[in-house]
Amino acid sequence: MKRLVQAQPPSSTSYGDLHLQTNRSDGAMSVAELLAHMSRRTHLAIIAITDHDERAALVEAWTRVRGVPTGSGPRTIVGYGVTASW
């Protein structure tokens, strides 16, 4: 009987989550908690914090990640979701 082996992704492939929110929007964690969780509990190469209509989390996230050395956690993009109507 053959043993099935789960395929591992190629080492050149990076994974990310480009739609995360903090507790200042739709999320459950603060900026600090979210960044710590994503650094310790995931193997993502890139994340984006994009709270809805909330600039404070964007400013805090940018302040926290701008001095972080490359390779010590996922690369972090800070964004801003804007509610609009037309």
PDB file of N, CA and C in Angstrom:
ATOM      1  N   MET A   1       0.835  -1.169   0.000  1.00  0.00           N
ATOM      2  CA  MET A   1       0.000   0.000   0.000  1.00  0.00           C
ATOM      3  C   MET A   1       0.888   1.243   0.000  1.00  0.00           C
ATOM      4  N   LYS A   2       0.606   2.169  -0.899  1.00  0.00           N
ATOM      5  CA  LYS A   2       1.395   3.382  -0.997  1.00  0.00           C
ATOM      6  C   LYS A   2       0.997   4.381   0.084  1.00  0.00           C
ATOM      7  N   ARG A   3       1.991   5.061   0.590  1.00  0.00           N
ATOM      8  CA  ARG A   3       1.738   6.100   1.576  1.00  0.00           C
ATOM      9  C   ARG A   3       1.553   7.422   0.834  1.00  0.00           C
ATOM     10  N   LEU A   4       0.484   8.115   1.143  1.00  0.00           N
ATOM     11  CA  LEU A   4       0.232   9.402   0.507  1.00  0.00           C
ATOM     12  C   LEU A   4       1.000  10.490   1.251  1.00  0.00           C
ATOM     13  N   VAL A   5       1.672  11.327   0.512  1.00  0.00           N
ATOM     14  CA  VAL A   5       2.446  12.411   1.097  1.00  0.00           C
ATOM     15  C   VAL A   5       1.840  13.726   0.623  1.00  0.00           C
ATOM     16  N   GLN A   6       1.551  14.593   1.576  1.00  0.00           N
ATOM     17  CA  GLN A   6       0.997  15.890   1.212  1.00  0.00           C
ATOM     18  C   GLN A   6       2.076  16.738   0.547  1.00  0.00           C
ATOM     19  N   ALA A   7       1.737  17.285  -0.582  1.00  0.00           N
ATOM     20  CA  ALA A   7       2.696  18.120  -1.307  1.00  0.00           C
ATOM     21  C   ALA A   7       2.947  19.412  -0.546  1.00  0.00           C
ATOM     22  N   GLN A   8       4.177  19.819  -0.489  1.00  0.00           N
ATOM     23  CA  GLN A   8       4.554  21.084   0.126  1.00  0.00           C
ATOM     24  C   GLN A   8       4.635  22.148  -0.964  1.00  0.00           C
ATOM     25  N   PRO A   9       4.243  23.374  -0.641  1.00  0.00           N
ATOM     26  CA  PRO A   9       4.345  24.420  -1.648  1.00  0.00           C
ATOM     27  C   PRO A   9       5.807  24.688  -1.989  1.00  0.00           C
ATOM     28  N   PRO A  10       6.085  25.101  -3.197  1.00  0.00           N
ATOM     29  CA  PRO A  10       7.462  25.408  -3.576  1.00  0.00           C
ATOM     30  C   PRO A  10       8.031  26.499  -2.676  1.00  0.00           C
ATOM     31  N   SER A  11       9.323  26.455  -2.423  1.00  0.00           N
ATOM     32  CA  SER A  11       9.934  27.427  -1.524  1.00  0.00           C
ATOM     33  C   SER A  11       9.905  28.844  -2.088  1.00  0.00           C
ATOM     34  N   SER A  12       9.739  28.981  -3.383  1.00  0.00           N
ATOM     35  CA  SER A  12       9.712  30.319  -3.977  1.00  0.00           C
ATOM     36  C   SER A  12       8.321  30.955  -3.906  1.00  0.00           C
ATOM     37  N   THR A  13       7.344  30.223  -3.412  1.00  0.00           N
ATOM     38  CA  THR A  13       5.987  30.738  -3.316  1.00  0.00           C
ATOM     39  C   THR A  13       5.793  31.431  -1.981  1.00  0.00           C
ATOM     40  N   SER A  14       5.213  32.603  -2.002  1.00  0.00           N
ATOM     41  CA  SER A  14       4.898  33.332  -0.783  1.00  0.00           C
ATOM     42  C   SER A  14       3.386  33.461  -0.658  1.00  0.00           C
ATOM     43  N   TYR A  15       2.930  33.458   0.576  1.00  0.00           N
ATOM     44  CA  TYR A  15       1.507  33.580   0.845  1.00  0.00           C
ATOM     45  C   TYR A  15       1.247  34.832   1.658  1.00  0.00           C
ATOM     46  N   GLY A  16       0.082  35.411   1.486  1.00  0.00           N
ATOM     47  CA  GLY A  16      -0.252  36.613   2.222  1.00  0.00           C
ATOM     48  C   GLY A  16      -1.741  36.750   2.439  1.00  0.00           C
ATOM     49  N   ASP A  17      -2.097  37.663   3.292  1.00  0.00           N
ATOM     50  CA  ASP A  17      -3.499  38.016   3.539  1.00  0.00           C
ATOM     51  C   ASP A  17      -3.585  39.529   3.396  1.00  0.00           C
ATOM     52  N   LEU A  18      -4.291  39.979   2.378  1.00  0.00           N
ATOM     53  CA  LEU A  18      -4.353  41.399   2.062  1.00  0.00           C
ATOM     54  C   LEU A  18      -5.659  42.055   2.496  1.00  0.00           C
ATOM     55  N   HIS A  19      -6.349  41.422   3.456  1.00  0.00           N
ATOM     56  CA  HIS A  19      -7.612  41.998   3.913  1.00  0.00           C
ATOM     57  C   HIS A  19      -7.819  41.694   5.392  1.00  0.00           C
ATOM     58  N   LEU A  20      -7.076  42.384   6.257  1.00  0.00           N
ATOM     59  CA  LEU A  20      -7.187  42.200   7.701  1.00  0.00           C
ATOM     60  C   LEU A  20      -7.722  43.485   8.331  1.00  0.00           C
ATOM     61  N   GLN A  21      -8.543  43.335   9.364  1.00  0.00           N
ATOM     62  CA  GLN A  21      -9.029  44.488  10.097  1.00  0.00           C
ATOM     63  C   GLN A  21      -8.719  44.339  11.588  1.00  0.00           C
ATOM     64  N   THR A  22      -8.558  45.470  12.266  1.00  0.00           N
ATOM     65  CA  THR A  22      -8.330  45.475  13.701  1.00  0.00           C
ATOM     66  C   THR A  22      -9.663  45.699  14.412  1.00  0.00           C
ATOM     67  N   ASN A  23      -9.611  45.772  15.746  1.00  0.00           N
ATOM     68  CA  ASN A  23     -10.843  45.999  16.504  1.00  0.00           C
ATOM     69  C   ASN A  23     -11.355  47.435  16.375  1.00  0.00           C
ATOM     70  N   ARG A  24     -10.654  48.256  15.649  1.00  0.00           N
ATOM     71  CA  ARG A  24     -11.162  49.598  15.361  1.00  0.00           C
ATOM     72  C   ARG A  24     -12.085  49.594  14.147  1.00  0.00           C
ATOM     73  N   SER A  25     -12.225  48.410  13.552  1.00  0.00           N
ATOM     74  CA  SER A  25     -13.095  48.228  12.392  1.00  0.00           C
ATOM     75  C   SER A  25     -13.880  46.937  12.604  1.00  0.00           C
ATOM     76  N   ASP A  26     -13.722  45.951  11.724  1.00  0.00           N
ATOM     77  CA  ASP A  26     -14.471  44.697  11.801  1.00  0.00           C
ATOM     78  C   ASP A  26     -13.732  43.579  12.526  1.00  0.00           C
ATOM     79  N   GLY A  27     -12.504  43.807  12.952  1.00  0.00           N
ATOM     80  CA  GLY A  27     -11.682  42.754  13.554  1.00  0.00           C
ATOM     81  C   GLY A  27     -11.865  42.622  15.052  1.00  0.00           C
ATOM     82  N   ALA A  28     -11.192  41.632  15.619  1.00  0.00           N
ATOM     83  CA  ALA A  28     -11.306  41.353  17.056  1.00  0.00           C
ATOM     84  C   ALA A  28     -10.048  41.736  17.832  1.00  0.00           C
ATOM     85  N   MET A  29      -8.914  41.968  17.151  1.00  0.00           N
ATOM     86  CA  MET A  29      -7.649  42.244  17.826  1.00  0.00           C
ATOM     87  C   MET A  29      -7.227  43.695  17.627  1.00  0.00           C
ATOM     88  N   SER A  30      -6.457  44.200  18.593  1.00  0.00           N
ATOM     89  CA  SER A  30      -5.860  45.528  18.427  1.00  0.00           C
ATOM     90  C   SER A  30      -4.763  45.436  17.371  1.00  0.00           C
ATOM     91  N   VAL A  31      -4.228  46.570  16.988  1.00  0.00           N
ATOM     92  CA  VAL A  31      -3.130  46.579  16.012  1.00  0.00           C
ATOM     93  C   VAL A  31      -1.958  45.761  16.541  1.00  0.00           C
ATOM     94  N   ALA A  32      -1.574  46.004  17.788  1.00  0.00           N
ATOM     95  CA  ALA A  32      -0.441  45.286  18.376  1.00  0.00           C
ATOM     96  C   ALA A  32      -0.703  43.786  18.444  1.00  0.00           C
ATOM     97  N   GLU A  33      -1.898  43.388  18.862  1.00  0.00           N
ATOM     98  CA  GLU A  33      -2.238  41.963  18.954  1.00  0.00           C
ATOM     99  C   GLU A  33      -2.231  41.312  17.582  1.00  0.00           C
ATOM    100  N   LEU A  34      -2.781  41.996  16.587  1.00  0.00           N
ATOM    101  CA  LEU A  34      -2.839  41.449  15.235  1.00  0.00           C
ATOM    102  C   LEU A  34      -1.430  41.265  14.659  1.00  0.00           C
ATOM    103  N   LEU A  35      -0.584  42.263  14.817  1.00  0.00           N
ATOM    104  CA  LEU A  35       0.778  42.151  14.308  1.00  0.00           C
ATOM    105  C   LEU A  35       1.545  41.034  15.006  1.00  0.00           C
ATOM    106  N   ALA A  36       1.384  40.925  16.329  1.00  0.00           N
ATOM    107  CA  ALA A  36       2.063  39.854  17.073  1.00  0.00           C
ATOM    108  C   ALA A  36       1.551  38.487  16.638  1.00  0.00           C
ATOM    109  N   HIS A  37       0.232  38.365  16.478  1.00  0.00           N
ATOM    110  CA  HIS A  37      -0.367  37.089  16.056  1.00  0.00           C
ATOM    111  C   HIS A  37       0.134  36.684  14.676  1.00  0.00           C
ATOM    112  N   MET A  38       0.140  37.621  13.746  1.00  0.00           N
ATOM    113  CA  MET A  38       0.550  37.308  12.385  1.00  0.00           C
ATOM    114  C   MET A  38       2.038  36.960  12.322  1.00  0.00           C
ATOM    115  N   SER A  39       2.843  37.518  13.206  1.00  0.00           N
ATOM    116  CA  SER A  39       4.276  37.213  13.224  1.00  0.00           C
ATOM    117  C   SER A  39       4.560  35.858  13.847  1.00  0.00           C
ATOM    118  N   ARG A  40       3.820  35.505  14.892  1.00  0.00           N
ATOM    119  CA  ARG A  40       4.106  34.274  15.636  1.00  0.00           C
ATOM    120  C   ARG A  40       3.303  33.070  15.188  1.00  0.00           C
ATOM    121  N   ARG A  41       2.102  33.275  14.747  1.00  0.00           N
ATOM    122  CA  ARG A  41       1.184  32.158  14.504  1.00  0.00           C
ATOM    123  C   ARG A  41       0.958  31.815  13.044  1.00  0.00           C
ATOM    124  N   THR A  42       1.534  32.586  12.142  1.00  0.00           N
ATOM    125  CA  THR A  42       1.342  32.300  10.715  1.00  0.00           C
ATOM    126  C   THR A  42       2.702  32.286  10.016  1.00  0.00           C
ATOM    127  N   HIS A  43       2.700  31.802   8.808  1.00  0.00           N
ATOM    128  CA  HIS A  43       3.912  31.810   7.987  1.00  0.00           C
ATOM    129  C   HIS A  43       3.699  32.682   6.758  1.00  0.00           C
ATOM    130  N   LEU A  44       2.876  33.698   6.909  1.00  0.00           N
ATOM    131  CA  LEU A  44       2.590  34.572   5.778  1.00  0.00           C
ATOM    132  C   LEU A  44       3.773  35.496   5.510  1.00  0.00           C
ATOM    133  N   ALA A  45       4.004  35.769   4.249  1.00  0.00           N
ATOM    134  CA  ALA A  45       5.096  36.655   3.860  1.00  0.00           C
ATOM    135  C   ALA A  45       4.662  38.110   3.840  1.00  0.00           C
ATOM    136  N   ILE A  46       3.358  38.338   3.652  1.00  0.00           N
ATOM    137  CA  ILE A  46       2.864  39.707   3.539  1.00  0.00           C
ATOM    138  C   ILE A  46       1.451  39.783   4.104  1.00  0.00           C
ATOM    139  N   ILE A  47       1.152  40.888   4.769  1.00  0.00           N
ATOM    140  CA  ILE A  47      -0.208  41.131   5.263  1.00  0.00           C
ATOM    141  C   ILE A  47      -0.572  42.581   4.974  1.00  0.00           C
ATOM    142  N   ALA A  48      -1.861  42.862   4.943  1.00  0.00           N
ATOM    143  CA  ALA A  48      -2.333  44.235   4.789  1.00  0.00           C
ATOM    144  C   ALA A  48      -3.423  44.491   5.822  1.00  0.00           C
ATOM    145  N   ILE A  49      -3.239  45.542   6.599  1.00  0.00           N
ATOM    146  CA  ILE A  49      -4.255  45.970   7.560  1.00  0.00           C
ATOM    147  C   ILE A  49      -5.049  47.075   6.881  1.00  0.00           C
ATOM    148  N   THR A  50      -6.334  46.825   6.667  1.00  0.00           N
ATOM    149  CA  THR A  50      -7.165  47.751   5.894  1.00  0.00           C
ATOM    150  C   THR A  50      -8.490  47.978   6.613  1.00  0.00           C
ATOM    151  N   ASP A  51      -8.454  48.713   7.709  1.00  0.00           N
ATOM    152  CA  ASP A  51      -9.679  49.024   8.444  1.00  0.00           C
ATOM    153  C   ASP A  51     -10.593  49.919   7.615  1.00  0.00           C
ATOM    154  N   HIS A  52     -11.886  49.822   7.893  1.00  0.00           N
ATOM    155  CA  HIS A  52     -12.892  50.610   7.186  1.00  0.00           C
ATOM    156  C   HIS A  52     -13.074  51.969   7.861  1.00  0.00           C
ATOM    157  N   ASP A  53     -12.886  53.030   7.110  1.00  0.00           N
ATOM    158  CA  ASP A  53     -13.170  54.387   7.588  1.00  0.00           C
ATOM    159  C   ASP A  53     -12.482  54.722   8.903  1.00  0.00           C
ATOM    160  N   GLU A  54     -11.310  54.203   9.121  1.00  0.00           N
ATOM    161  CA  GLU A  54     -10.614  54.384  10.399  1.00  0.00           C
ATOM    162  C   GLU A  54      -9.129  54.630  10.149  1.00  0.00           C
ATOM    163  N   ARG A  55      -8.699  55.872  10.325  1.00  0.00           N
ATOM    164  CA  ARG A  55      -7.305  56.218  10.091  1.00  0.00           C
ATOM    165  C   ARG A  55      -6.393  55.908  11.268  1.00  0.00           C
ATOM    166  N   ALA A  56      -6.922  55.866  12.475  1.00  0.00           N
ATOM    167  CA  ALA A  56      -6.076  55.687  13.664  1.00  0.00           C
ATOM    168  C   ALA A  56      -5.303  54.375  13.610  1.00  0.00           C
ATOM    169  N   ALA A  57      -5.941  53.296  13.189  1.00  0.00           N
ATOM    170  CA  ALA A  57      -5.264  52.002  13.089  1.00  0.00           C
ATOM    171  C   ALA A  57      -4.184  52.045  12.012  1.00  0.00           C
ATOM    172  N   LEU A  58      -4.446  52.743  10.930  1.00  0.00           N
ATOM    173  CA  LEU A  58      -3.459  52.889   9.862  1.00  0.00           C
ATOM    174  C   LEU A  58      -2.203  53.575  10.404  1.00  0.00           C
ATOM    175  N   VAL A  59      -2.384  54.662  11.130  1.00  0.00           N
ATOM    176  CA  VAL A  59      -1.251  55.409  11.680  1.00  0.00           C
ATOM    177  C   VAL A  59      -0.497  54.560  12.702  1.00  0.00           C
ATOM    178  N   GLU A  60      -1.231  53.876  13.581  1.00  0.00           N
ATOM    179  CA  GLU A  60      -0.574  53.034  14.582  1.00  0.00           C
ATOM    180  C   GLU A  60       0.199  51.888  13.926  1.00  0.00           C
ATOM    181  N   ALA A  61      -0.416  51.227  12.961  1.00  0.00           N
ATOM    182  CA  ALA A  61       0.261  50.112  12.279  1.00  0.00           C
ATOM    183  C   ALA A  61       1.523  50.605  11.579  1.00  0.00           C
ATOM    184  N   TRP A  62       1.423  51.718  10.882  1.00  0.00           N
ATOM    185  CA  TRP A  62       2.591  52.266  10.181  1.00  0.00           C
ATOM    186  C   TRP A  62       3.706  52.583  11.171  1.00  0.00           C
ATOM    187  N   THR A  63       3.359  53.188  12.292  1.00  0.00           N
ATOM    188  CA  THR A  63       4.351  53.524  13.314  1.00  0.00           C
ATOM    189  C   THR A  63       5.017  52.280  13.868  1.00  0.00           C
ATOM    190  N   ARG A  64       4.247  51.224  14.078  1.00  0.00           N
ATOM    191  CA  ARG A  64       4.792  49.988  14.652  1.00  0.00           C
ATOM    192  C   ARG A  64       5.690  49.227  13.678  1.00  0.00           C
ATOM    193  N   VAL A  65       5.373  49.242  12.384  1.00  0.00           N
ATOM    194  CA  VAL A  65       6.106  48.382  11.442  1.00  0.00           C
ATOM    195  C   VAL A  65       7.218  49.082  10.683  1.00  0.00           C
ATOM    196  N   ARG A  66       7.270  50.383  10.697  1.00  0.00           N
ATOM    197  CA  ARG A  66       8.257  51.062   9.844  1.00  0.00           C
ATOM    198  C   ARG A  66       9.699  50.811  10.257  1.00  0.00           C
ATOM    199  N   GLY A  67       9.963  50.487  11.512  1.00  0.00           N
ATOM    200  CA  GLY A  67      11.322  50.218  11.931  1.00  0.00           C
ATOM    201  C   GLY A  67      11.647  48.750  12.102  1.00  0.00           C
ATOM    202  N   VAL A  68      10.712  47.885  11.750  1.00  0.00           N
ATOM    203  CA  VAL A  68      10.916  46.449  11.925  1.00  0.00           C
ATOM    204  C   VAL A  68      11.867  45.936  10.845  1.00  0.00           C
ATOM    205  N   PRO A  69      12.937  45.242  11.245  1.00  0.00           N
ATOM    206  CA  PRO A  69      13.888  44.730  10.246  1.00  0.00           C
ATOM    207  C   PRO A  69      13.241  43.704   9.313  1.00  0.00           C
ATOM    208  N   THR A  70      13.648  43.705   8.068  1.00  0.00           N
ATOM    209  CA  THR A  70      13.157  42.733   7.094  1.00  0.00           C
ATOM    210  C   THR A  70      13.470  41.322   7.577  1.00  0.00           C
ATOM    211  N   GLY A  71      12.497  40.440   7.460  1.00  0.00           N
ATOM    212  CA  GLY A  71      12.683  39.047   7.852  1.00  0.00           C
ATOM    213  C   GLY A  71      12.256  38.735   9.274  1.00  0.00           C
ATOM    214  N   SER A  72      11.847  39.752  10.035  1.00  0.00           N
ATOM    215  CA  SER A  72      11.441  39.488  11.412  1.00  0.00           C
ATOM    216  C   SER A  72       9.923  39.431  11.550  1.00  0.00           C
ATOM    217  N   GLY A  73       9.239  39.214  10.477  1.00  0.00           N
ATOM    218  CA  GLY A  73       7.786  39.105  10.458  1.00  0.00           C
ATOM    219  C   GLY A  73       7.314  39.350   9.048  1.00  0.00           C
ATOM    220  N   PRO A  74       6.006  39.229   8.841  1.00  0.00           N
ATOM    221  CA  PRO A  74       5.505  39.461   7.482  1.00  0.00           C
ATOM    222  C   PRO A  74       5.658  40.922   7.079  1.00  0.00           C
ATOM    223  N   ARG A  75       5.928  41.142   5.812  1.00  0.00           N
ATOM    224  CA  ARG A  75       5.925  42.506   5.293  1.00  0.00           C
ATOM    225  C   ARG A  75       4.502  43.039   5.448  1.00  0.00           C
ATOM    226  N   THR A  76       4.378  44.248   5.946  1.00  0.00           N
ATOM    227  CA  THR A  76       3.057  44.782   6.274  1.00  0.00           C
ATOM    228  C   THR A  76       2.733  46.000   5.431  1.00  0.00           C
ATOM    229  N   ILE A  77       1.565  45.943   4.820  1.00  0.00           N
ATOM    230  CA  ILE A  77       1.015  47.060   4.065  1.00  0.00           C
ATOM    231  C   ILE A  77      -0.088  47.647   4.926  1.00  0.00           C
ATOM    232  N   VAL A  78      -0.128  48.964   5.035  1.00  0.00           N
ATOM    233  CA  VAL A  78      -1.241  49.585   5.739  1.00  0.00           C
ATOM    234  C   VAL A  78      -2.113  50.279   4.713  1.00  0.00           C
ATOM    235  N   GLY A  79      -3.401  50.057   4.820  1.00  0.00           N
ATOM    236  CA  GLY A  79      -4.345  50.619   3.866  1.00  0.00           C
ATOM    237  C   GLY A  79      -5.490  51.284   4.584  1.00  0.00           C
ATOM    238  N   TYR A  80      -6.456  51.721   3.813  1.00  0.00           N
ATOM    239  CA  TYR A  80      -7.569  52.478   4.359  1.00  0.00           C
ATOM    240  C   TYR A  80      -8.790  52.209   3.492  1.00  0.00           C
ATOM    241  N   GLY A  81      -9.805  51.588   4.088  1.00  0.00           N
ATOM    242  CA  GLY A  81     -11.040  51.336   3.368  1.00  0.00           C
ATOM    243  C   GLY A  81     -11.981  52.513   3.529  1.00  0.00           C
ATOM    244  N   VAL A  82     -12.494  53.030   2.448  1.00  0.00           N
ATOM    245  CA  VAL A  82     -13.344  54.206   2.488  1.00  0.00           C
ATOM    246  C   VAL A  82     -14.740  53.853   2.025  1.00  0.00           C
ATOM    247  N   THR A  83     -15.723  54.227   2.831  1.00  0.00           N
ATOM    248  CA  THR A  83     -17.117  54.032   2.431  1.00  0.00           C
ATOM    249  C   THR A  83     -17.495  55.193   1.499  1.00  0.00           C
ATOM    250  N   ALA A  84     -18.052  54.835   0.370  1.00  0.00           N
ATOM    251  CA  ALA A  84     -18.442  55.847  -0.605  1.00  0.00           C
ATOM    252  C   ALA A  84     -19.797  55.509  -1.196  1.00  0.00           C
ATOM    253  N   SER A  85     -20.508  56.500  -1.595  1.00  0.00           N
ATOM    254  CA  SER A  85     -21.770  56.274  -2.303  1.00  0.00           C
ATOM    255  C   SER A  85     -21.812  57.207  -3.497  1.00  0.00           C
ATOM    256  N   TRP A  86     -22.537  56.794  -4.499  1.00  0.00           N
ATOM    257  CA  TRP A  86     -22.622  57.596  -5.702  1.00  0.00           C
ATOM    258  C   TRP A  86     -23.985  57.454  -6.329  1.00  0.00           C
TER     259      TRP A  86
END
